[in-house]
Amino acid sequence: MNFGVTNEDNVATAGCTGEASNVVTTVAAAGPFLVTSPNTAVTLMGNSMQTITWNVAGTTAAPVNCANVDILLTTNGGMTFTTLLAATPNDGSQSATIPNIATTTARIWIRCSDNIFYDVSNVNFSIVPTPCTELYFSEYVEGTSNNKVIEIYNPTNATVTLTGNYQIKIYFNGSASAGSTINLTGTIAPCGVFVISNNLAAPGILAIANQTSSSLNFNGDDAVELFRNATSTTLDVIGQIGFDPGTEWGSGLTSTMDNTLQRKTSIGTGDNNGTDAFVPATEWDGFATDDFTGLGAYVSVACAQPPAIVCPTAPALLNEAGAVCSGGGTSTFTTWQSNRVAAVAGAGGTGVMNTIEYSTSVPSSTNPATGATNITGTIPAGCAAVTQAVTAYMRCDNGTPNNLADDIWTAIGTYTLTVYPAVRTPNIFTGGCSVIVTGIFSCDVVTLRAIQQPVS
């Protein structure tokens, strides 16, 4: 098939033309080249690895000779596409990481890297963000004068470096282009917050702020974006980019003008679709003008992250202190003692894993160790796991230190205990209040995951 195009400029008195032609050769033995998966109205999780498949249909053979393909994704119904894989082998199947975004209009586009043929998914599919994996806004202050504040939450159990990787962008008065960009500097601790404010904010704000900037200056009708520039990814947006609501989004205390907004603790991810409608009451709680009482203290209940503790191979005292994102606050670990459980049989055998503060049956009213059922199971070979439901209790010293008999015990939740061939059980010997539950034990050099809730 022969194709030609003629282009003429729009000069009325002395127009010029340009021409181009091309020949497209069809090959009966090849095709149809088709996307086969995802090609239905499925829902995929963000940050997940997915297998993308297509019919090669003879396109690698002569005379087509398409050795490589590009795999692209649209999340807005075809308006724009981003590349997932470039010049990957044209073998009919490749794995790609799905971006951690929310959309109902995603499609896959696969094209030959050095030819003109391609195919696109027949129908839209959805992507649901995986919660607790990306930074998001946790507080917004649009107060009097220069009291402008943004708080960012890190829901993960790893320190996040902001410098060179993250920005805040402000879109003024319904503009689709950022009018101000602030490069964030510093780090955010696991399950911690980062506060950035205007440099002329009230002293109470400046005392909490991790970073200040004269560029952090917005009103109720300006959209604010959290942007990861290292990957060109929108993580969260307050407002709606490209839309001017007039004076504010929302109403009453739960609005973006002259109010403080705090993210609901049940939320575990940001709104990474900057063009969708913004209704503050859906994910935010509203507070009065210049209310800073919660600034710097946000914790997401949806993203509780128990800390990891590495136990020594020999019985020894292990002191650990650190922040815990469980139950809405921060606490410090008590002293743990790690002991090998002697009643465990060899790999492949059967043994008893003794517990003290952890019960699989109804304990006595004063001490769950009384009447507790030991966890019994088959000890697997290697490092395969045996799991058992256990109950964690809060023990508060009620008199004599280290005397379990007069302590007060309160059940605070049920968790899953995973036991491996080499088992250690931590026992607590300190006074005061503490909450403990065993978690993952791994082979001889064991890793204990403990959940400890703040107590007073």
Protein backbone atom coordinates (compact mmCIF):
# COMPACT_ATOMS: atom_id res chain seq x y z
CA MET A 1 0.00 0.00 0.00
CA ASN A 2 1.30 3.42 -1.00
CA PHE A 3 0.63 6.44 1.19
CA GLY A 4 1.29 10.08 0.42
CA VAL A 5 0.69 13.37 2.15
CA THR A 6 0.82 16.93 0.91
CA ASN A 7 1.16 19.87 3.25
CA GLU A 8 0.50 23.50 2.26
CA ASP A 9 1.17 26.52 4.41
CA ASN A 10 -1.41 29.23 5.00
CA VAL A 11 0.27 32.17 3.28
CA ALA A 12 -2.36 33.62 0.93
CA THR A 13 -0.01 35.35 -1.55
CA ALA A 14 2.91 32.91 -1.84
CA GLY A 15 2.09 29.51 -0.40
CA CYS A 16 4.51 26.60 -0.41
CA THR A 17 3.85 22.88 -0.30
CA GLY A 18 5.67 19.85 0.99
CA GLU A 19 5.14 16.20 0.14
CA ALA A 20 6.06 12.85 1.66
CA SER A 21 5.30 9.28 0.66
CA ASN A 22 5.66 5.87 2.25
CA VAL A 23 5.04 2.25 1.34
CA VAL A 24 3.45 -0.16 3.81
CA THR A 25 3.93 -3.83 3.00
CA THR A 26 1.49 -6.36 4.45
CA VAL A 27 2.56 -9.92 5.21
CA ALA A 28 -0.16 -12.57 5.08
CA ALA A 29 1.83 -15.01 7.25
CA ALA A 30 2.14 -12.59 10.15
CA GLY A 31 -0.52 -11.27 12.52
CA PRO A 32 -2.77 -10.41 14.06
CA PHE A 33 -0.44 -8.89 16.67
CA LEU A 34 -2.68 -8.60 19.77
CA VAL A 35 -2.50 -7.72 23.46
CA THR A 36 -3.92 -10.70 25.36
CA SER A 37 -3.39 -9.70 29.01
CA PRO A 38 -4.50 -7.51 30.63
CA ASN A 39 -7.32 -7.36 28.12
CA THR A 40 -10.39 -7.55 30.35
CA ALA A 41 -11.88 -5.33 33.06
CA VAL A 42 -9.56 -6.61 35.80
CA THR A 43 -8.29 -4.74 38.87
CA LEU A 44 -4.52 -4.72 39.54
CA MET A 45 -2.70 -3.61 42.66
CA GLY A 46 -0.24 -0.75 42.40
CA ASN A 47 3.43 -1.63 42.87
CA SER A 48 2.65 -5.22 41.91
CA MET A 49 4.58 -7.18 39.30
CA GLN A 50 2.24 -8.25 36.50
CA THR A 51 2.76 -10.50 33.49
CA ILE A 52 1.83 -8.78 30.23
CA THR A 53 1.19 -11.07 27.30
CA TRP A 54 0.57 -10.68 23.59
CA ASN A 55 0.34 -12.77 20.41
CA VAL A 56 3.63 -12.48 18.56
CA ALA A 57 1.86 -14.00 15.55
CA GLY A 58 4.94 -14.51 13.40
CA THR A 59 6.18 -10.93 13.66
CA THR A 60 9.73 -11.96 14.63
CA ALA A 61 10.26 -13.84 11.37
CA ALA A 62 11.25 -12.39 8.02
CA PRO A 63 10.24 -10.19 6.38
CA VAL A 64 8.76 -8.37 9.44
CA ASN A 65 11.79 -9.02 11.68
CA CYS A 66 10.44 -7.30 14.81
CA ALA A 67 12.89 -8.42 17.50
CA ASN A 68 11.81 -5.98 20.23
CA VAL A 69 8.69 -4.23 21.42
CA ASP A 70 7.84 -1.27 23.67
CA ILE A 71 5.21 -1.75 26.38
CA LEU A 72 3.37 1.40 27.45
CA LEU A 73 0.57 2.19 29.89
CA THR A 74 -2.15 4.81 29.85
CA THR A 75 -4.01 5.67 33.05
CA ASN A 76 -6.30 8.29 31.51
CA GLY A 77 -8.07 6.44 28.73
CA GLY A 78 -5.40 7.03 26.07
CA MET A 79 -4.75 10.76 26.50
CA THR A 80 -1.13 10.07 27.46
CA PHE A 81 1.09 6.98 27.74
CA THR A 82 4.14 6.18 29.85
CA THR A 83 6.69 3.51 29.01
CA LEU A 84 6.82 0.45 31.25
CA LEU A 85 9.41 -1.46 29.20
CA ALA A 86 11.41 -0.26 26.20
CA ALA A 87 12.96 -2.51 23.53
CA THR A 88 12.08 -5.68 25.40
CA PRO A 89 12.17 -9.01 23.48
CA ASN A 90 9.18 -9.69 21.27
CA ASP A 91 8.57 -13.08 22.88
CA GLY A 92 4.92 -12.72 23.88
CA SER A 93 5.38 -12.35 27.65
CA GLN A 94 7.13 -9.85 29.92
CA SER A 95 6.78 -8.82 33.56
CA ALA A 96 6.39 -5.16 34.49
CA THR A 97 5.76 -3.21 37.69
CA ILE A 98 2.38 -1.48 37.75
CA PRO A 99 2.61 2.11 39.07
CA ASN A 100 1.09 2.77 42.48
CA ILE A 101 -1.78 4.98 41.31
CA ALA A 102 -5.56 4.96 41.25
CA THR A 103 -7.36 4.73 37.93
CA THR A 104 -10.27 3.00 36.23
CA THR A 105 -9.18 3.86 32.68
CA ALA A 106 -5.89 2.00 32.25
CA ARG A 107 -4.87 0.22 29.05
CA ILE A 108 -1.72 -1.45 27.73
CA TRP A 109 -0.18 -0.43 24.39
CA ILE A 110 2.39 -2.74 22.81
CA ARG A 111 4.21 -1.58 19.66
CA CYS A 112 7.10 -2.88 17.63
CA SER A 113 10.21 -0.88 18.56
CA ASP A 114 11.29 -0.34 14.94
CA ASN A 115 8.10 -0.76 12.93
CA ILE A 116 4.66 0.80 12.67
CA PHE A 117 2.32 -1.91 13.96
CA TYR A 118 0.90 -2.09 17.49
CA ASP A 119 -2.11 -3.11 19.55
CA VAL A 120 -3.94 -1.64 22.57
CA SER A 121 -6.01 -3.42 25.22
CA ASN A 122 -9.63 -3.76 24.10
CA VAL A 123 -11.15 -2.50 27.38
CA ASN A 124 -10.14 -0.39 30.36
CA PHE A 125 -8.80 -2.03 33.51
CA SER A 126 -8.38 -0.58 37.01
CA ILE A 127 -5.39 0.01 39.26
CA VAL A 128 -5.78 0.29 43.04
CA PRO A 129 -2.85 1.79 44.98
CA THR A 130 -1.11 -0.46 47.48
CA PRO A 131 -1.45 1.41 50.79
CA CYS A 132 1.38 2.30 53.16
CA THR A 133 4.13 2.26 50.53
CA GLU A 134 4.46 5.94 49.56
CA LEU A 135 4.71 9.29 51.34
CA TYR A 136 1.52 11.33 51.58
CA PHE A 137 0.17 14.55 53.10
CA SER A 138 -1.01 14.17 56.69
CA GLU A 139 -1.76 17.79 57.68
CA TYR A 140 -2.55 21.05 55.88
CA VAL A 141 -2.71 24.46 57.55
CA GLU A 142 -4.14 27.46 55.71
CA GLY A 143 -4.21 29.91 58.59
CA THR A 144 -3.93 33.61 59.19
CA SER A 145 -1.14 35.68 57.69
CA ASN A 146 1.88 33.45 56.93
CA ASN A 147 0.67 30.41 58.85
CA LYS A 148 0.96 28.03 55.90
CA VAL A 149 2.05 24.50 56.76
CA ILE A 150 2.24 21.10 55.08
CA GLU A 151 2.97 17.89 56.99
CA ILE A 152 4.15 14.75 55.16
CA TYR A 153 3.84 11.23 56.58
CA ASN A 154 6.14 8.27 55.94
CA PRO A 155 4.00 5.11 56.36
CA THR A 156 6.88 2.71 55.75
CA ASN A 157 9.35 1.10 58.16
CA ALA A 158 12.35 2.62 56.35
CA THR A 159 13.92 6.08 56.48
CA VAL A 160 13.09 8.09 53.35
CA THR A 161 15.60 10.58 51.93
CA LEU A 162 13.82 13.70 50.68
CA THR A 163 16.85 15.59 49.35
CA GLY A 164 17.01 15.39 45.58
CA ASN A 165 13.98 13.11 45.40
CA TYR A 166 10.83 14.96 46.49
CA GLN A 167 9.17 18.30 45.82
CA ILE A 168 6.07 20.26 46.78
CA LYS A 169 4.38 22.01 43.87
CA ILE A 170 1.71 24.70 44.17
CA TYR A 171 -0.84 25.40 41.42
CA PHE A 172 -2.37 28.85 41.82
CA ASN A 173 -5.96 29.85 40.98
CA GLY A 174 -6.86 26.81 38.87
CA SER A 175 -3.68 26.74 36.80
CA ALA A 176 -2.64 23.44 35.23
CA SER A 177 1.04 24.40 35.60
CA ALA A 178 2.92 24.68 38.87
CA GLY A 179 3.57 28.31 39.85
CA SER A 180 5.92 27.37 42.70
CA THR A 181 8.18 24.35 43.27
CA ILE A 182 9.93 23.65 46.57
CA ASN A 183 12.71 21.07 46.76
CA LEU A 184 12.42 19.15 50.02
CA THR A 185 15.57 18.50 52.05
CA GLY A 186 16.31 16.08 54.86
CA THR A 187 14.86 12.70 55.77
CA ILE A 188 11.69 11.26 57.27
CA ALA A 189 12.06 8.56 59.92
CA PRO A 190 10.05 5.33 59.66
CA CYS A 191 6.43 6.05 60.52
CA GLY A 192 7.42 9.66 61.13
CA VAL A 193 6.37 13.06 59.82
CA PHE A 194 8.12 15.97 58.13
CA VAL A 195 6.77 19.49 58.61
CA ILE A 196 7.46 22.31 56.16
CA SER A 197 6.13 25.81 56.82
CA ASN A 198 6.36 29.33 55.56
CA ASN A 199 9.49 30.96 56.99
CA LEU A 200 7.38 33.74 58.60
CA ALA A 201 4.87 31.42 60.29
CA ALA A 202 4.02 31.70 63.98
CA PRO A 203 6.77 30.74 66.47
CA GLY A 204 4.81 27.68 67.57
CA ILE A 205 4.90 26.36 64.02
CA LEU A 206 8.54 27.22 63.41
CA ALA A 207 9.50 25.30 66.56
CA ILE A 208 8.09 22.13 64.98
CA ALA A 209 9.05 22.73 61.33
CA ASN A 210 11.77 20.58 59.76
CA GLN A 211 12.08 22.96 56.80
CA THR A 212 10.91 26.49 56.05
CA SER A 213 10.42 28.26 52.74
CA SER A 214 9.13 31.65 51.67
CA SER A 215 7.68 29.88 48.62
CA LEU A 216 5.22 27.89 50.74
CA ASN A 217 2.43 30.39 50.30
CA PHE A 218 -0.99 29.20 49.19
CA ASN A 219 -4.66 30.10 49.56
CA GLY A 220 -7.79 27.97 49.76
CA ASP A 221 -8.23 27.77 45.99
CA ASP A 222 -4.62 26.66 45.24
CA ALA A 223 -3.83 22.98 44.67
CA VAL A 224 -0.79 21.53 46.46
CA GLU A 225 1.04 18.49 45.09
CA LEU A 226 3.56 16.09 46.64
CA PHE A 227 5.83 15.07 43.77
CA ARG A 228 8.60 12.49 43.60
CA ASN A 229 10.84 14.05 40.98
CA ALA A 230 13.23 11.08 40.95
CA THR A 231 10.52 9.08 39.15
CA SER A 232 8.24 11.93 37.94
CA THR A 233 5.40 10.58 40.07
CA THR A 234 2.53 12.41 41.76
CA LEU A 235 2.09 10.97 45.25
CA ASP A 236 -0.64 13.16 46.72
CA VAL A 237 -2.66 16.28 45.89
CA ILE A 238 -4.73 18.59 48.06
CA GLY A 239 -7.21 20.30 45.75
CA GLN A 240 -7.70 19.70 42.04
CA ILE A 241 -5.02 20.69 39.56
CA GLY A 242 -6.36 22.79 36.68
CA PHE A 243 -9.60 23.70 38.45
CA ASP A 244 -10.43 26.85 40.44
CA PRO A 245 -13.16 26.19 43.04
CA GLY A 246 -13.64 29.92 43.64
CA THR A 247 -12.38 30.34 47.20
CA GLU A 248 -12.07 26.84 48.64
CA TRP A 249 -12.65 23.12 48.33
CA GLY A 250 -15.11 21.78 50.91
CA SER A 251 -17.15 23.74 53.42
CA GLY A 252 -17.22 24.65 57.10
CA LEU A 253 -14.24 23.46 59.11
CA THR A 254 -13.48 20.76 56.54
CA SER A 255 -12.40 23.15 53.82
CA THR A 256 -9.12 24.40 52.41
CA MET A 257 -9.59 28.05 53.40
CA ASP A 258 -8.82 29.42 56.89
CA ASN A 259 -8.73 25.92 58.38
CA THR A 260 -6.48 23.08 59.48
CA LEU A 261 -7.01 19.69 57.83
CA GLN A 262 -5.68 16.46 59.33
CA ARG A 263 -5.70 13.20 57.37
CA LYS A 264 -7.95 10.55 58.86
CA THR A 265 -5.87 7.89 60.60
CA SER A 266 -7.70 5.19 58.62
CA ILE A 267 -6.06 6.42 55.39
CA GLY A 268 -2.93 4.67 54.14
CA THR A 269 -2.22 6.31 50.80
CA GLY A 270 -2.38 9.66 49.04
CA ASP A 271 -4.62 10.88 46.22
CA ASN A 272 -2.23 10.60 43.29
CA ASN A 273 -4.78 11.63 40.67
CA GLY A 274 -4.36 15.39 40.67
CA THR A 275 -7.21 16.06 38.25
CA ASP A 276 -10.02 14.24 40.05
CA ALA A 277 -12.58 16.07 42.16
CA PHE A 278 -11.37 16.92 45.66
CA VAL A 279 -13.83 16.52 48.55
CA PRO A 280 -11.91 17.13 51.81
CA ALA A 281 -14.45 15.45 54.11
CA THR A 282 -13.82 12.09 52.44
CA GLU A 283 -10.31 11.68 53.85
CA TRP A 284 -9.73 14.67 56.12
CA ASP A 285 -10.91 15.99 59.49
CA GLY A 286 -11.32 19.76 59.85
CA PHE A 287 -10.20 22.07 62.65
CA ALA A 288 -10.46 25.78 63.33
CA THR A 289 -8.16 28.47 61.97
CA ASP A 290 -4.62 28.35 63.40
CA ASP A 291 -5.22 25.10 65.29
CA PHE A 292 -1.74 23.50 65.37
CA THR A 293 -2.30 21.07 68.24
CA GLY A 294 -1.84 17.94 66.14
CA LEU A 295 1.09 19.18 64.09
CA GLY A 296 4.04 16.80 64.09
CA ALA A 297 2.17 13.93 65.75
CA TYR A 298 0.24 12.14 62.98
CA VAL A 299 0.25 8.32 62.96
CA SER A 300 -1.77 6.19 60.55
CA VAL A 301 -3.62 3.30 62.17
CA ALA A 302 -3.96 1.79 58.68
CA CYS A 303 -0.17 1.59 58.35
CA ALA A 304 0.89 0.06 61.66
CA GLN A 305 4.47 -1.16 61.17
CA PRO A 306 5.93 -3.40 63.90
CA PRO A 307 9.67 -2.91 64.27
CA ALA A 308 12.20 -5.64 63.53
CA ILE A 309 14.48 -6.91 66.31
CA VAL A 310 17.44 -9.20 65.59
CA CYS A 311 18.12 -11.58 68.48
CA PRO A 312 21.58 -13.03 69.26
CA THR A 313 22.32 -16.70 68.67
CA ALA A 314 23.10 -17.30 72.35
CA PRO A 315 20.78 -16.46 75.25
CA ALA A 316 21.46 -12.85 76.21
CA LEU A 317 19.73 -9.67 77.26
CA LEU A 318 18.65 -7.56 74.31
CA ASN A 319 17.75 -3.90 74.79
CA GLU A 320 15.92 -2.24 71.92
CA ALA A 321 14.43 1.26 71.75
CA GLY A 322 12.58 2.80 68.85
CA ALA A 323 9.41 4.26 67.44
CA VAL A 324 6.41 2.02 66.97
CA CYS A 325 3.57 2.84 64.56
CA SER A 326 0.92 0.82 66.36
CA GLY A 327 -2.00 2.21 68.28
CA GLY A 328 -1.46 5.84 67.43
CA GLY A 329 1.67 6.83 69.25
CA THR A 330 5.33 6.23 70.07
CA SER A 331 6.72 3.97 72.75
CA THR A 332 10.01 2.44 73.85
CA PHE A 333 10.82 -1.24 74.07
CA THR A 334 11.37 -2.75 77.45
CA THR A 335 14.26 -5.11 78.20
CA TRP A 336 13.90 -8.48 76.51
CA GLN A 337 15.56 -11.74 77.44
CA SER A 338 15.95 -14.32 74.70
CA ASN A 339 16.03 -18.00 75.66
CA ARG A 340 16.16 -21.13 73.54
CA VAL A 341 13.14 -23.38 74.01
CA ALA A 342 14.52 -26.78 74.98
CA ALA A 343 11.38 -28.76 74.25
CA VAL A 344 11.64 -28.41 70.49
CA ALA A 345 12.31 -31.58 68.52
CA GLY A 346 14.62 -31.75 65.53
CA ALA A 347 13.68 -30.78 62.00
CA GLY A 348 10.75 -32.84 60.77
CA GLY A 349 9.77 -33.91 64.27
CA THR A 350 7.12 -32.73 66.73
CA GLY A 351 7.71 -30.45 69.68
CA VAL A 352 6.12 -27.98 72.07
CA MET A 353 6.76 -24.25 71.83
CA ASN A 354 6.21 -22.91 75.34
CA THR A 355 4.70 -19.49 75.85
CA ILE A 356 4.31 -17.31 78.91
CA GLU A 357 2.36 -14.12 78.16
CA TYR A 358 0.89 -15.56 74.95
CA SER A 359 -2.13 -17.80 75.11
CA THR A 360 -4.11 -19.85 72.59
CA SER A 361 -6.92 -20.48 75.05
CA VAL A 362 -8.88 -18.42 77.54
CA PRO A 363 -6.42 -17.43 80.30
CA SER A 364 -7.15 -16.79 83.93
CA SER A 365 -8.53 -13.39 84.83
CA THR A 366 -5.31 -12.22 86.46
CA ASN A 367 -2.51 -13.98 84.60
CA PRO A 368 -2.75 -15.36 81.06
CA ALA A 369 0.15 -17.72 81.84
CA THR A 370 -2.25 -19.61 84.08
CA GLY A 371 -4.39 -21.90 82.01
CA ALA A 372 -2.53 -21.05 78.80
CA THR A 373 -2.24 -23.76 76.18
CA ASN A 374 1.21 -24.35 74.78
CA ILE A 375 1.54 -24.06 71.03
CA THR A 376 2.07 -27.53 69.60
CA GLY A 377 2.99 -28.25 66.02
CA THR A 378 5.18 -30.20 63.69
CA ILE A 379 8.65 -28.70 63.36
CA PRO A 380 9.35 -28.41 59.62
CA ALA A 381 12.64 -29.06 57.91
CA GLY A 382 14.62 -26.05 56.77
CA CYS A 383 13.05 -22.70 57.46
CA ALA A 384 9.43 -23.39 56.57
CA ALA A 385 6.96 -21.87 58.99
CA VAL A 386 4.39 -23.15 61.44
CA THR A 387 1.76 -20.56 62.31
CA GLN A 388 -0.51 -20.30 65.32
CA ALA A 389 -2.97 -17.66 66.48
CA VAL A 390 -1.93 -16.11 69.80
CA THR A 391 -3.32 -13.43 72.06
CA ALA A 392 -1.18 -10.52 73.22
CA TYR A 393 -1.71 -9.05 76.66
CA MET A 394 -0.79 -5.83 78.37
CA ARG A 395 0.84 -6.47 81.75
CA CYS A 396 0.91 -3.62 84.26
CA ASP A 397 2.91 -4.00 87.45
CA ASN A 398 0.55 -3.75 90.41
CA GLY A 399 2.92 -4.00 93.34
CA THR A 400 5.97 -6.18 93.68
CA PRO A 401 8.30 -5.84 90.64
CA ASN A 402 8.65 -9.03 88.59
CA ASN A 403 5.84 -10.70 90.52
CA LEU A 404 3.33 -11.91 87.94
CA ALA A 405 0.79 -12.94 90.57
CA ASP A 406 -0.29 -9.39 91.48
CA ASP A 407 0.00 -7.85 88.02
CA ILE A 408 -3.00 -6.70 85.99
CA TRP A 409 -3.40 -8.31 82.57
CA THR A 410 -5.52 -7.01 79.70
CA ALA A 411 -5.91 -8.65 76.29
CA ILE A 412 -5.16 -6.15 73.51
CA GLY A 413 -5.44 -8.21 70.35
CA THR A 414 -4.91 -11.46 68.49
CA TYR A 415 -1.87 -11.94 66.25
CA THR A 416 -0.25 -14.69 64.23
CA LEU A 417 2.87 -16.35 65.63
CA THR A 418 5.19 -17.92 63.06
CA VAL A 419 7.66 -20.47 64.40
CA TYR A 420 10.72 -21.90 62.65
CA PRO A 421 12.99 -24.87 63.64
CA ALA A 422 15.18 -22.88 66.00
CA VAL A 423 12.79 -21.16 68.37
CA ARG A 424 13.36 -18.53 71.02
CA THR A 425 10.77 -17.12 73.39
CA PRO A 426 11.26 -13.64 74.87
CA ASN A 427 10.24 -13.21 78.48
CA ILE A 428 9.71 -9.84 80.08
CA PHE A 429 11.12 -9.10 83.51
CA THR A 430 10.66 -5.36 83.96
CA GLY A 431 8.12 -3.47 85.99
CA GLY A 432 5.70 -0.89 84.70
CA CYS A 433 3.34 -1.43 81.79
CA SER A 434 4.27 -3.19 78.58
CA VAL A 435 2.59 -4.88 75.66
CA ILE A 436 4.33 -7.79 73.97
CA VAL A 437 3.63 -10.41 71.34
CA THR A 438 5.98 -12.73 69.55
CA GLY A 439 6.24 -12.75 65.80
CA ILE A 440 8.55 -14.14 63.14
CA PHE A 441 11.44 -16.37 64.19
CA SER A 442 13.89 -17.29 61.46
CA CYS A 443 16.32 -20.21 61.82
CA ASP A 444 19.20 -19.94 64.31
CA VAL A 445 20.03 -16.25 63.97
CA VAL A 446 16.45 -15.29 64.59
CA THR A 447 14.48 -12.18 63.75
CA LEU A 448 11.74 -11.27 66.17
CA ARG A 449 8.95 -8.96 65.05
CA ALA A 450 7.29 -7.53 68.13
CA ILE A 451 4.19 -5.39 68.38
CA GLN A 452 4.18 -3.05 71.36
CA GLN A 453 1.41 -0.54 71.87
CA PRO A 454 1.89 2.76 73.73
CA VAL A 455 0.87 2.52 77.36
CA SER A 456 0.88 5.04 80.15
